[in-house]
Structures are given as C-alpha cells and as structure tokens.
Protein backbone atom coordinates (compact mmCIF):
# COMPACT_ATOMS: atom_id res chain seq x y z
CA UNK A 1 -2.02 12.14 -1.61
CA UNK A 2 -3.18 10.69 1.67
CA UNK A 3 -4.18 13.16 4.38
CA UNK A 4 -5.50 10.69 6.94
CA UNK A 5 -6.92 7.20 7.33
CA UNK A 6 -9.11 5.98 10.18
CA UNK A 7 -10.36 2.55 11.22
CA UNK A 8 -12.29 1.26 14.23
CA UNK A 9 -13.56 -2.12 15.44
CA UNK A 10 -11.28 -3.99 13.05
CA UNK A 11 -9.55 -7.08 14.42
CA UNK A 12 -7.22 -5.84 17.20
CA UNK A 13 -8.38 -2.20 16.87
CA UNK A 14 -11.37 -1.60 19.12
CA UNK A 15 -11.46 2.18 19.28
CA UNK A 16 -10.80 4.61 16.44
CA UNK A 17 -7.19 4.61 15.20
CA UNK A 18 -6.15 7.62 13.12
CA UNK A 19 -3.03 7.88 10.97
CA UNK A 20 -2.71 11.59 10.24
CA UNK A 21 -0.18 12.72 7.64
CA UNK A 22 -0.84 16.43 8.15
CA UNK A 23 2.22 18.08 9.74
CA UNK A 24 1.86 19.00 13.42
CA UNK A 25 1.56 22.77 13.65
CA UNK A 26 3.95 23.14 16.58
CA UNK A 27 6.77 21.19 14.89
CA UNK A 28 9.36 23.38 13.19
CA UNK A 29 12.00 20.74 12.46
CA UNK A 30 12.78 19.64 8.89
CA UNK A 31 10.27 21.94 7.21
CA UNK A 32 11.63 20.76 3.87
CA UNK A 33 9.76 17.49 4.44
CA UNK A 34 6.38 19.16 4.00
CA UNK A 35 4.56 18.56 0.72
CA UNK A 36 2.56 21.59 -0.37
CA UNK A 37 -0.57 21.36 -2.49
CA UNK A 38 -0.52 23.93 -5.32
CA UNK A 39 -4.32 23.83 -5.60
CA UNK A 40 -5.06 24.21 -1.90
CA UNK A 41 -2.50 25.84 0.36
CA UNK A 42 -4.32 24.46 3.41
CA UNK A 43 -3.62 20.87 2.35
CA UNK A 44 -0.05 20.20 3.45
CA UNK A 45 1.08 16.65 4.17
CA UNK A 46 4.20 14.75 5.16
CA UNK A 47 6.03 12.55 2.64
CA UNK A 48 6.67 9.67 5.03
CA UNK A 49 5.26 7.94 8.11
CA UNK A 50 6.90 5.05 9.96
CA UNK A 51 5.18 2.71 12.43
CA UNK A 52 6.95 0.92 15.29
CA UNK A 53 5.63 -1.60 17.77
CA UNK A 54 6.42 -4.99 19.22
CA UNK A 55 5.47 -8.19 17.41
CA UNK A 56 1.72 -8.68 17.51
CA UNK A 57 1.01 -5.04 18.36
CA UNK A 58 -1.18 -4.37 15.31
CA UNK A 59 1.12 -2.83 12.69
CA UNK A 60 0.21 -5.35 10.01
CA UNK A 61 -3.43 -5.22 11.07
CA UNK A 62 -3.54 -1.46 10.49
CA UNK A 63 -2.08 -1.89 7.01
CA UNK A 64 -4.53 -4.74 6.40
CA UNK A 65 -7.36 -2.35 7.22
CA UNK A 66 -6.35 -0.04 4.37
CA UNK A 67 -5.91 -3.05 2.11
CA UNK A 68 -9.40 -4.29 3.07
CA UNK A 69 -10.85 -0.89 2.19
CA UNK A 70 -9.06 -0.92 -1.17
CA UNK A 71 -10.27 -4.44 -1.89
CA UNK A 72 -13.92 -3.55 -1.30
CA UNK A 73 -13.65 -0.46 -3.51
CA UNK A 74 -11.74 -1.96 -6.44
CA UNK A 75 -13.02 -5.55 -6.71
CA UNK A 76 -16.34 -7.35 -6.81
CA UNK A 77 -15.60 -9.57 -3.84
CA UNK A 78 -17.15 -9.19 -0.42
CA UNK A 79 -15.08 -10.62 2.42
CA UNK A 80 -16.67 -10.50 5.83
CA UNK A 81 -15.05 -8.06 8.22
CA UNK A 82 -13.63 -9.28 11.54
CA UNK A 83 -14.49 -6.97 14.46
CA UNK A 84 -12.69 -6.66 17.78
CA UNK A 85 -13.68 -9.83 19.64
CA UNK A 86 -12.01 -9.52 23.05
CA UNK A 87 -14.50 -7.19 24.71
CA UNK A 88 -18.07 -8.49 24.71
CA UNK A 89 -20.86 -9.51 22.36
CA UNK A 90 -22.07 -5.91 22.16
CA UNK A 91 -18.72 -4.83 20.72
CA UNK A 92 -18.83 -7.63 18.16
CA UNK A 93 -22.26 -6.46 17.00
CA UNK A 94 -21.01 -2.92 16.35
CA UNK A 95 -20.08 -2.00 12.77
CA UNK A 96 -16.50 -1.75 11.58
CA UNK A 97 -15.77 1.70 10.20
CA UNK A 98 -13.26 2.82 7.56
CA UNK A 99 -12.73 6.42 6.47
CA UNK A 100 -10.14 8.18 4.37
CA UNK A 101 -9.30 11.76 3.42
CA UNK A 102 -7.11 12.16 0.35
CA UNK A 103 -6.33 14.50 -2.53
CA UNK A 104 -6.34 13.44 -6.16
CA UNK A 105 -6.20 15.60 -9.28
CA UNK A 106 -6.56 18.76 -7.21
CA UNK A 107 -9.71 17.66 -5.34
CA UNK A 108 -9.88 16.50 -1.72
CA UNK A 109 -12.23 13.56 -1.09
CA UNK A 110 -13.67 12.45 2.26
CA UNK A 111 -14.97 8.90 1.82
CA UNK A 112 -15.88 6.07 4.13
CA UNK A 113 -18.18 3.20 4.96
CA UNK A 114 -19.11 0.93 7.84
CA UNK A 115 -19.81 -2.80 7.71
CA UNK A 116 -21.37 -5.44 9.89
CA UNK A 117 -19.98 -8.72 8.63
CA UNK A 118 -20.49 -8.26 4.86
CA UNK A 119 -23.38 -5.82 5.01
CA UNK A 120 -22.84 -2.11 4.35
CA UNK A 121 -24.42 -0.11 7.18
CA UNK A 122 -23.31 3.37 6.13
CA UNK A 123 -21.42 4.97 3.25
CA UNK A 124 -20.61 8.60 2.60
CA UNK A 125 -18.67 10.87 0.29
CA UNK A 126 -17.93 14.59 0.30
CA UNK A 127 -15.67 16.42 -2.16
CA UNK A 128 -13.82 19.70 -1.73
CA UNK A 129 -14.19 21.39 -5.12
CA UNK A 130 -13.60 24.64 -3.21
CA UNK A 131 -12.47 25.24 0.36
CA UNK A 132 -15.86 23.99 1.57
CA UNK A 133 -17.09 20.37 1.38
CA UNK A 134 -19.86 19.40 -1.03
CA UNK A 135 -21.93 16.38 -0.06
CA UNK A 136 -21.96 13.82 -2.88
CA UNK A 137 -24.00 11.11 -1.20
CA UNK A 138 -24.83 9.64 2.17
CA UNK A 139 -26.07 6.07 2.43
CA UNK A 140 -27.80 4.55 5.44
CA UNK A 141 -30.11 1.72 6.46
CA UNK A 142 -33.82 2.52 6.59
CA UNK A 143 -36.29 -0.14 7.70
CA UNK A 144 -33.65 -2.78 7.08
CA UNK A 145 -33.02 -1.65 3.50
CA UNK A 146 -30.28 0.56 2.01
CA UNK A 147 -31.31 4.12 1.25
CA UNK A 148 -29.41 7.29 0.37
CA UNK A 149 -29.41 11.07 0.18
CA UNK A 150 -27.75 12.58 -2.90
CA UNK A 151 -26.03 15.95 -2.90
CA UNK A 152 -26.66 18.54 -5.58
CA UNK A 153 -23.08 18.29 -6.89
CA UNK A 154 -23.61 14.60 -7.69
CA UNK A 155 -27.13 15.03 -9.03
CA UNK A 156 -26.07 17.84 -11.39
CA UNK A 157 -23.15 15.83 -12.76
CA UNK A 158 -25.20 12.66 -13.41
CA UNK A 159 -27.11 12.01 -16.61
CA UNK A 160 -30.81 11.63 -15.71
CA UNK A 161 -29.90 13.03 -12.31
CA UNK A 162 -31.53 11.91 -9.10
CA UNK A 163 -33.80 9.32 -10.73
CA UNK A 164 -30.84 7.38 -12.14
CA UNK A 165 -28.97 7.53 -8.84
CA UNK A 166 -32.09 6.26 -7.08
CA UNK A 167 -32.36 3.45 -9.63
CA UNK A 168 -28.80 2.36 -8.80
CA UNK A 169 -29.56 2.50 -5.08
CA UNK A 170 -32.71 0.39 -5.47
CA UNK A 171 -30.81 -2.38 -7.25
CA UNK A 172 -27.86 -2.47 -4.91
CA UNK A 173 -27.16 -5.56 -2.82
CA UNK A 174 -26.58 -5.16 0.94
CA UNK A 175 -22.88 -6.04 0.60
CA UNK A 176 -22.21 -3.75 -2.38
CA UNK A 177 -20.77 -0.25 -2.13
CA UNK A 178 -22.78 2.46 -3.85
CA UNK A 179 -19.52 4.10 -4.97
CA UNK A 180 -18.36 1.07 -6.94
CA UNK A 181 -21.77 0.29 -8.41
CA UNK A 182 -22.27 3.91 -9.53
CA UNK A 183 -18.86 4.01 -11.24
CA UNK A 184 -19.66 0.73 -13.02
CA UNK A 185 -22.76 2.50 -14.36
CA UNK A 186 -20.71 5.41 -15.71
CA UNK A 187 -21.31 8.00 -13.00
CA UNK A 188 -17.99 9.54 -14.02
CA UNK A 189 -17.74 12.19 -11.30
CA UNK A 190 -17.18 9.36 -8.79
CA UNK A 191 -14.58 7.52 -10.89
CA UNK A 192 -11.52 9.37 -9.46
CA UNK A 193 -12.03 7.77 -6.04
CA UNK A 194 -11.90 4.26 -7.50
CA UNK A 195 -9.04 5.26 -9.82
CA UNK A 196 -6.95 6.54 -6.91
CA UNK A 197 -7.34 3.31 -4.97
CA UNK A 198 -6.62 1.22 -8.09
CA UNK A 199 -3.68 3.14 -9.53
CA UNK A 200 -2.28 5.39 -6.80
CA UNK A 201 -2.52 3.37 -3.58
CA UNK A 202 0.01 0.54 -3.52
CA UNK A 203 0.17 -1.84 -0.56
CA UNK A 204 3.32 -3.96 -0.44
CA UNK A 205 3.42 -6.87 1.99
CA UNK A 206 6.66 -8.70 2.94
CA UNK A 207 5.99 -11.38 0.33
CA UNK A 208 4.79 -8.96 -2.38
CA UNK A 209 6.42 -8.61 -5.78
CA UNK A 210 5.78 -6.18 -8.61
CA UNK A 211 3.41 -7.98 -10.94
CA UNK A 212 5.16 -8.89 -14.22
CA UNK A 213 8.25 -6.84 -13.34
CA UNK A 214 10.13 -8.87 -15.95
CA UNK A 215 7.84 -7.55 -18.70
CA UNK A 216 8.00 -3.99 -17.41
CA UNK A 217 11.79 -3.97 -17.51
CA UNK A 218 11.84 -5.73 -20.88
CA UNK A 219 9.44 -3.25 -22.49
CA UNK A 220 10.75 -0.12 -20.73
CA UNK A 221 14.49 0.15 -21.36
CA UNK A 222 14.72 3.49 -19.58
CA UNK A 223 13.28 1.99 -16.39
CA UNK A 224 15.74 -0.91 -16.56
CA UNK A 225 18.66 1.48 -17.05
CA UNK A 226 17.54 3.59 -14.09
CA UNK A 227 17.26 0.49 -11.91
CA UNK A 228 20.78 -0.57 -12.89
CA UNK A 229 22.08 2.87 -11.90
CA UNK A 230 20.51 2.47 -8.46
CA UNK A 231 21.88 -1.07 -8.12
CA UNK A 232 25.39 0.26 -8.66
CA UNK A 233 24.81 2.99 -6.08
CA UNK A 234 23.68 0.43 -3.50
CA UNK A 235 26.56 -2.05 -3.92
CA UNK A 236 24.21 -5.01 -4.42
CA UNK A 237 27.05 -7.24 -5.66
CA UNK A 238 25.70 -7.45 -9.20
CA UNK A 239 26.99 -5.58 -12.25
CA UNK A 240 23.64 -5.22 -13.99
CA UNK A 241 20.21 -6.72 -14.46
CA UNK A 242 19.08 -7.81 -17.89
CA UNK A 243 15.71 -8.88 -19.21
CA UNK A 244 15.97 -11.97 -21.41
CA UNK A 245 13.27 -13.26 -23.76
CA UNK A 246 13.29 -16.84 -25.06
CA UNK A 247 10.71 -19.08 -26.81
CA UNK A 248 8.57 -21.09 -24.40
CA UNK A 249 7.44 -24.63 -25.22
CA UNK A 250 4.21 -25.32 -23.34
CA UNK A 251 4.23 -29.07 -23.96
CA UNK A 252 7.86 -29.47 -22.93
CA UNK A 253 7.10 -27.54 -19.75
CA UNK A 254 3.98 -29.57 -18.95
CA UNK A 255 5.73 -32.89 -19.64
CA UNK A 256 7.84 -32.28 -16.51
CA UNK A 257 4.78 -31.95 -14.28
CA UNK A 258 2.36 -34.37 -12.72
CA UNK A 259 -0.91 -34.99 -14.56
CA UNK A 260 -3.04 -32.74 -12.34
CA UNK A 261 -0.62 -29.81 -12.35
CA UNK A 262 0.02 -30.18 -16.09
CA UNK A 263 -3.73 -30.02 -16.80
CA UNK A 264 -4.04 -26.88 -14.66
CA UNK A 265 -1.23 -25.13 -16.50
CA UNK A 266 -2.51 -26.18 -19.95
CA UNK A 267 -5.86 -24.64 -19.05
CA UNK A 268 -4.16 -21.40 -17.93
CA UNK A 269 -2.08 -21.13 -21.10
CA UNK A 270 -5.08 -21.89 -23.34
CA UNK A 271 -7.09 -19.05 -21.79
CA UNK A 272 -4.39 -16.43 -22.39
CA UNK A 273 -5.09 -13.90 -25.12
CA UNK A 274 -2.31 -12.39 -27.25
CA UNK A 275 -0.33 -10.00 -25.04
CA UNK A 276 -1.54 -11.55 -21.78
CA UNK A 277 0.92 -13.20 -19.43
CA UNK A 278 1.23 -15.45 -16.39
CA UNK A 279 4.04 -15.51 -13.83
CA UNK A 280 5.89 -18.70 -12.92
CA UNK A 281 7.51 -18.21 -9.54
CA UNK A 282 8.30 -21.61 -8.02
CA UNK A 283 11.95 -21.69 -9.03
CA UNK A 284 12.52 -25.17 -7.61
CA UNK A 285 9.84 -26.82 -9.75
CA UNK A 286 9.54 -24.54 -12.77
CA UNK A 287 11.38 -21.92 -14.78
CA UNK A 288 11.23 -18.54 -13.05
CA UNK A 289 9.78 -15.74 -15.17
CA UNK A 290 6.76 -14.46 -17.08
CA UNK A 291 5.17 -16.44 -19.92
CA UNK A 292 3.43 -14.25 -22.50
CA UNK A 293 1.11 -15.27 -25.35
CA UNK A 294 2.29 -13.97 -28.73
CA UNK A 295 0.95 -14.22 -32.28
CA UNK A 296 3.42 -17.06 -32.90
CA UNK A 297 2.95 -18.98 -29.66
CA UNK A 298 4.52 -18.22 -26.28
CA UNK A 299 7.69 -16.64 -25.00
CA UNK A 300 9.26 -16.37 -21.56
CA UNK A 301 10.75 -13.17 -20.18
CA UNK A 302 12.94 -13.46 -17.10
CA UNK A 303 15.41 -11.34 -15.17
CA UNK A 304 19.06 -12.26 -14.94
CA UNK A 305 21.80 -10.87 -12.73
CA UNK A 306 25.02 -10.18 -14.61
CA UNK A 307 28.54 -10.52 -13.20
CA UNK A 308 31.98 -9.93 -14.71
CA UNK A 309 34.63 -12.55 -13.96
CA UNK A 310 38.25 -11.63 -13.33
CA UNK A 311 39.09 -12.74 -16.87
CA UNK A 312 36.59 -10.21 -18.21
CA UNK A 313 33.92 -12.71 -19.27
CA UNK A 314 30.29 -11.87 -18.46
CA UNK A 315 28.24 -14.49 -16.61
CA UNK A 316 24.46 -14.28 -16.00
CA UNK A 317 22.41 -16.01 -13.30
CA UNK A 318 18.65 -16.39 -12.97
CA UNK A 319 17.31 -13.94 -10.36
CA UNK A 320 15.71 -16.91 -8.62
CA UNK A 321 19.23 -17.75 -7.42
CA UNK A 322 19.82 -14.28 -5.97
CA UNK A 323 19.43 -13.54 -2.27
CA UNK A 324 16.04 -12.72 -0.79
CA UNK A 325 17.37 -9.27 0.11
CA UNK A 326 18.38 -8.50 -3.47
CA UNK A 327 15.02 -9.69 -4.78
CA UNK A 328 13.23 -7.63 -2.11
CA UNK A 329 15.07 -4.46 -3.07
CA UNK A 330 14.58 -5.01 -6.80
CA UNK A 331 10.83 -5.19 -6.21
CA UNK A 332 10.91 -2.06 -4.03
CA UNK A 333 12.95 0.08 -6.42
CA UNK A 334 10.09 0.71 -8.88
CA UNK A 335 8.47 2.81 -6.13
CA UNK A 336 11.33 5.32 -6.52
CA UNK A 337 10.74 5.53 -10.25
CA UNK A 338 6.96 5.84 -9.91
CA UNK A 339 7.12 8.89 -7.66
CA UNK A 340 7.32 11.12 -10.70
CA UNK A 341 3.57 10.56 -11.01
CA UNK A 342 1.19 12.41 -8.70
CA UNK A 343 -0.72 11.79 -5.46
CA UNK A 344 0.55 8.22 -5.05
CA UNK A 345 1.04 6.49 -1.71
CA UNK A 346 3.17 3.40 -1.10
CA UNK A 347 2.33 1.42 2.04
CA UNK A 348 4.99 -1.17 2.89
CA UNK A 349 4.69 -3.73 5.66
CA UNK A 350 8.09 -4.60 7.17
CA UNK A 351 10.21 -2.43 4.90
CA UNK A 352 13.39 -3.83 6.40
CA UNK A 353 12.52 -7.47 5.56
CA UNK A 354 15.76 -9.09 4.28
CA UNK A 355 17.40 -5.67 3.87
CA UNK A 356 20.57 -4.33 5.47
CA UNK A 357 19.90 -1.24 7.58
CA UNK A 358 21.90 0.96 5.21
CA UNK A 359 19.90 -0.27 2.20
CA UNK A 360 16.62 0.51 3.97
CA UNK A 361 18.01 3.92 4.89
CA UNK A 362 19.07 4.51 1.28
CA UNK A 363 15.57 3.71 0.06
CA UNK A 364 13.91 6.03 2.59
CA UNK A 365 16.32 8.93 2.04
CA UNK A 366 15.98 8.71 -1.74
CA UNK A 367 12.20 8.54 -1.56
CA UNK A 368 11.98 11.58 0.72
CA UNK A 369 14.48 13.55 -1.36
CA UNK A 370 12.88 12.80 -4.71
CA UNK A 371 9.28 13.26 -3.62
CA UNK A 372 9.94 16.54 -1.79
CA UNK A 373 11.89 17.88 -4.76
CA UNK A 374 9.11 16.88 -7.16
CA UNK A 375 6.35 18.20 -4.82
CA UNK A 376 3.70 16.04 -6.50
CA UNK A 377 2.09 14.63 -3.38
CA UNK A 378 3.67 11.16 -3.29
CA UNK A 379 4.16 9.43 0.07
CA UNK A 380 5.72 6.44 1.78
CA UNK A 381 4.11 4.73 4.80
CA UNK A 382 5.79 1.70 6.31
CA UNK A 383 6.16 -0.48 9.36
CA UNK A 384 9.50 -1.73 10.64
CA UNK A 385 11.33 -3.29 13.59
CA UNK A 386 14.68 -1.76 12.57
CA UNK A 387 15.39 0.74 15.34
CA UNK A 388 18.56 1.92 13.57
CA UNK A 389 16.18 3.87 11.34
CA UNK A 390 14.63 5.64 14.34
CA UNK A 391 16.72 8.74 13.81
CA UNK A 392 15.91 12.42 14.31
CA UNK A 393 18.11 13.15 11.29
CA UNK A 394 15.92 10.97 9.09
CA UNK A 395 12.39 11.64 10.37
CA UNK A 396 10.46 14.50 11.91
CA UNK A 397 8.89 13.56 15.23
CA UNK A 398 5.39 13.78 13.69
CA UNK A 399 6.41 11.21 11.07
CA UNK A 400 6.95 8.53 13.74
CA UNK A 401 4.03 6.42 14.98
CA UNK A 402 3.82 3.83 17.75
CA UNK A 403 1.36 0.95 18.07
CA UNK A 404 0.77 -0.74 21.41
CA UNK A 405 -1.87 -2.98 22.96
CA UNK A 406 -3.62 -2.33 26.26
CA UNK A 407 -4.68 -4.84 28.94
CA UNK A 408 -7.75 -5.66 26.85
CA UNK A 409 -5.41 -6.63 23.97
CA UNK A 410 -6.75 -3.71 21.93
CA UNK A 411 -4.30 -1.88 19.66
CA UNK A 412 -3.77 1.87 19.92
CA UNK A 413 -1.92 4.16 17.52
CA UNK A 414 -0.16 7.28 18.77
CA UNK A 415 2.24 9.85 17.36
CA UNK A 416 5.66 10.58 18.84
CA UNK A 417 4.72 14.26 19.21
CA UNK A 418 2.32 13.22 21.99
CA UNK A 419 5.37 12.62 24.21
CA UNK A 420 7.56 15.23 25.85
CA UNK A 421 10.65 15.37 23.65
CA UNK A 422 13.83 17.13 24.68
CA UNK A 423 16.27 18.74 22.27
CA UNK A 424 18.92 16.28 21.10
CA UNK A 425 16.97 13.25 22.32
CA UNK A 426 18.17 9.97 20.81
CA UNK A 427 14.91 8.47 19.56
CA UNK A 428 16.31 4.95 19.21
CA UNK A 429 17.70 4.76 22.75
CA UNK A 430 14.58 6.35 24.19
CA UNK A 431 12.40 3.83 22.38
CA UNK A 432 14.46 0.77 23.33
CA UNK A 433 14.54 1.89 26.97
CA UNK A 434 10.75 2.03 27.05
CA UNK A 435 10.30 5.81 27.12
CA UNK A 436 7.60 5.66 24.42
CA UNK A 437 6.19 2.19 25.09
CA UNK A 438 5.39 -0.10 22.13
CA UNK A 439 8.19 -2.56 23.01
CA UNK A 440 8.19 -6.08 24.47
CA UNK A 441 8.17 -6.21 28.27
CA UNK A 442 10.17 -9.17 29.54
CA UNK A 443 9.64 -10.86 32.88
CA UNK A 444 12.97 -11.05 34.68
CA UNK A 445 16.19 -9.18 33.98
CA UNK A 446 15.98 -6.55 31.27
CA UNK A 447 18.61 -4.97 29.09
CA UNK A 448 18.90 -1.22 29.07
CA UNK A 449 20.47 0.63 26.17
CA UNK A 450 23.16 3.10 27.25
C-alpha cells in the first residue's frame, strides 16, 4: 500500500510535491476509512485520495510522475526527464527527484532516485524489517562515475555479498537504475520493489483499457459473472456481457487491408507463439477483439452486450458499438474485483470521464466499502473535475487534495485539512466559490454558487 509519493522539478512541479496517504492525526471524522497494517500498527493509511484543480493545473502531470517512476523501474527504456523550465537555466540544470514510501508483503520500503535528463544522479533504498529503517543501498556520483554504499542487510542477503554488488555497480550504465539491474541479476531481496510496481501499482489514463479484458472474462467465468452482477446494479442498459470465441482467418482479415497494413499484421500474427494474443481495437476498420494463437491456428475472443427484446428474443451487439461511458466503466470494474489482493493501488486520471456522476459515486463508494472491509491495504487515487463528488459524506477532509499554479506557472499540491474548515461546511460550494483556490479565475462577471 502507498504511504506517500513525492516529486520535484518535474514538468510543471518546481518545488517538492507530496501526496501523503497517512491519515491526519487531528481528523476524527470517518475513522472507518482508515486501513490498518496488521504487521505494523504505526503504518495506517487512507483508502482513497481525490485531486481537484482547474484544467492545466498539474493533476495529470502528477500522475505522469508516478507513471514515469514506474516505467523506469519496470522496463528497459530510458526516457529523458523534463524539468521545470519556467524559472531559469539553473533550475533546469537541477535534478528531478522521485521518492516513494510503500508497504508490500509486510515490509515498508523507502525508495527513490534523481535524474538529470537520462542520467541517474542518486538512488537510494531503505527497508523497515523492524520499526527502524535498514539501509539497503545508496548510490551517488563520484568523480563523474556512479558509485554506491551497500548496507549490511543487502550484503548479507546477496550471494557473494559486497563483491557481487560492486560488480553490478561497475557495469551499470549512467541511465540504468541499480535496483532494476540488481534484480535482473537475481538479487532476490530487492525483487519485491519491482514486483510491487509491476503487479500492484496500476495507472489508468482516460484512454486506458484493461489489456486483453476479453480473454480474462472468457477464461475466468467467475469474474464475468461478478461483472454482470455489478452491471445490473448500475443500470447500464444492458442485460449481460458475454465473451464469444470464433475462428479467425488471418488471410481473410488481411485481404481487406492495404498492402502496407496487411504486411504489418501478417508479421505480427507470424510472431505470436501459442497462447499469445494481440488486440484489435479500431472498430471502424477491423473486427474488435483479441486474436489468440492456438495449436490449430487463430481464434478471436470479443465481448458482446446482450439485450432482451420485448418478444423475449436475445440480441447481442459488439461492445465496440456501446457508449464510451459503458466501455469506460467496464474497464474500471476489474479494479473492484482485484481489491481482494493485497497492497494494490489504482491511480486513475479523470475518473469521471464519460461517466454519470452517480456511476462515478457508485464506483468510489464500492471501492471504499470493499477495501476497508477487507483491510488488505488496497487504495484508489484519482483526479476529477466532477464537483458533485466533493462531498463530506463521501470523503474525509484529508482525502481531498487541491492542485494550483502560482504566478510562476509552477504547480503546488495541498491538502484540504490545511484550510480552516467549519462543521457542516459544503465542500462543493466552498470549492466552486473559490474558498480553497484551484479553480479557474475569469476576467469579468463571475458566477457564485449559492
């Protein structure tokens, strides 16, 4: 579970911006929202955090910062970081810094790194095997070359100890993270950090879909049944989803394409191994579904929305014909069924995209209810413009965050608890009337919310 995440000198964020999911000590409201750690009573976190701010304030940028960190940890690609560029050349030359504190499998990890362009300037990791931190490693630049100090906990847990760790450090490229390179060389004590980012930190952008959802629902009948139960609860104007598998003729498919596109798809299909799949998503040019290589050739699995006519006959439609809101919700619903795992965080940019307010509210309420009942450390972080959700009956005040830019166009993140809040205050009206900032300021007549 995520305890806090910090970034500085990243795009519109000049100074350090901290998203802290630890509950504010002076807040007594909605104590049932607190997630307690069975291994460490001092590690309590909140199940949800919501970010508000006007367009262009930095909400997406903050989420992108976490996604950038995940990308560098989980993949062998090295994008150059973009610093804050609206101050001066000195600011641009400063490193961009990412740090995260999270709990996974009963252990709290404090990990971070700083970059200048693609080059790693610093990297550090401490682990809380007890109530006190144990240094695992600390990397730094020395005479223009990467060097590191290794903690005893890491040395003791590594075959060949310090000499092997030093060997990894000597061979590391300036843009590579020591964490990732060590895990690739079977330093298993560090693997949980990479595993958490890979399998327990999900970042969902407005255009995101669950990869191969069609196959998941086809192979996991229980998950499909649960999704259909939720669809009925939400009145999505569909009786049920079904997963349909049919043979797929590669040549027939390619014959409908231009020569260049046909050659590209033939190459993709030829490279697939048995059991591997590729998604076809351009519903206007192609079938919409997942093509999977089988021992006998290829098949296509796609989702269909089922309806019952007045005469009792069932009629199915391809999900590509369904509304964007229905497709958005269907790709969000798996998050509710994944919360029965542990220490997983879902970060959603623009949760309300294409969703009715009541559907977004349903999703949030169900997530909070199910994750607090399970008490397994799962969390939801999201940005939104839907002020109907800004409700004291839905969120604690320390679960609400505001992002606003200053005169230098630098983004700042602050928590609602930093403001003086009166009992019974209507958060939505207060926000829309400018009490907390983070809203557009129009030149001319303004509308006040009464």
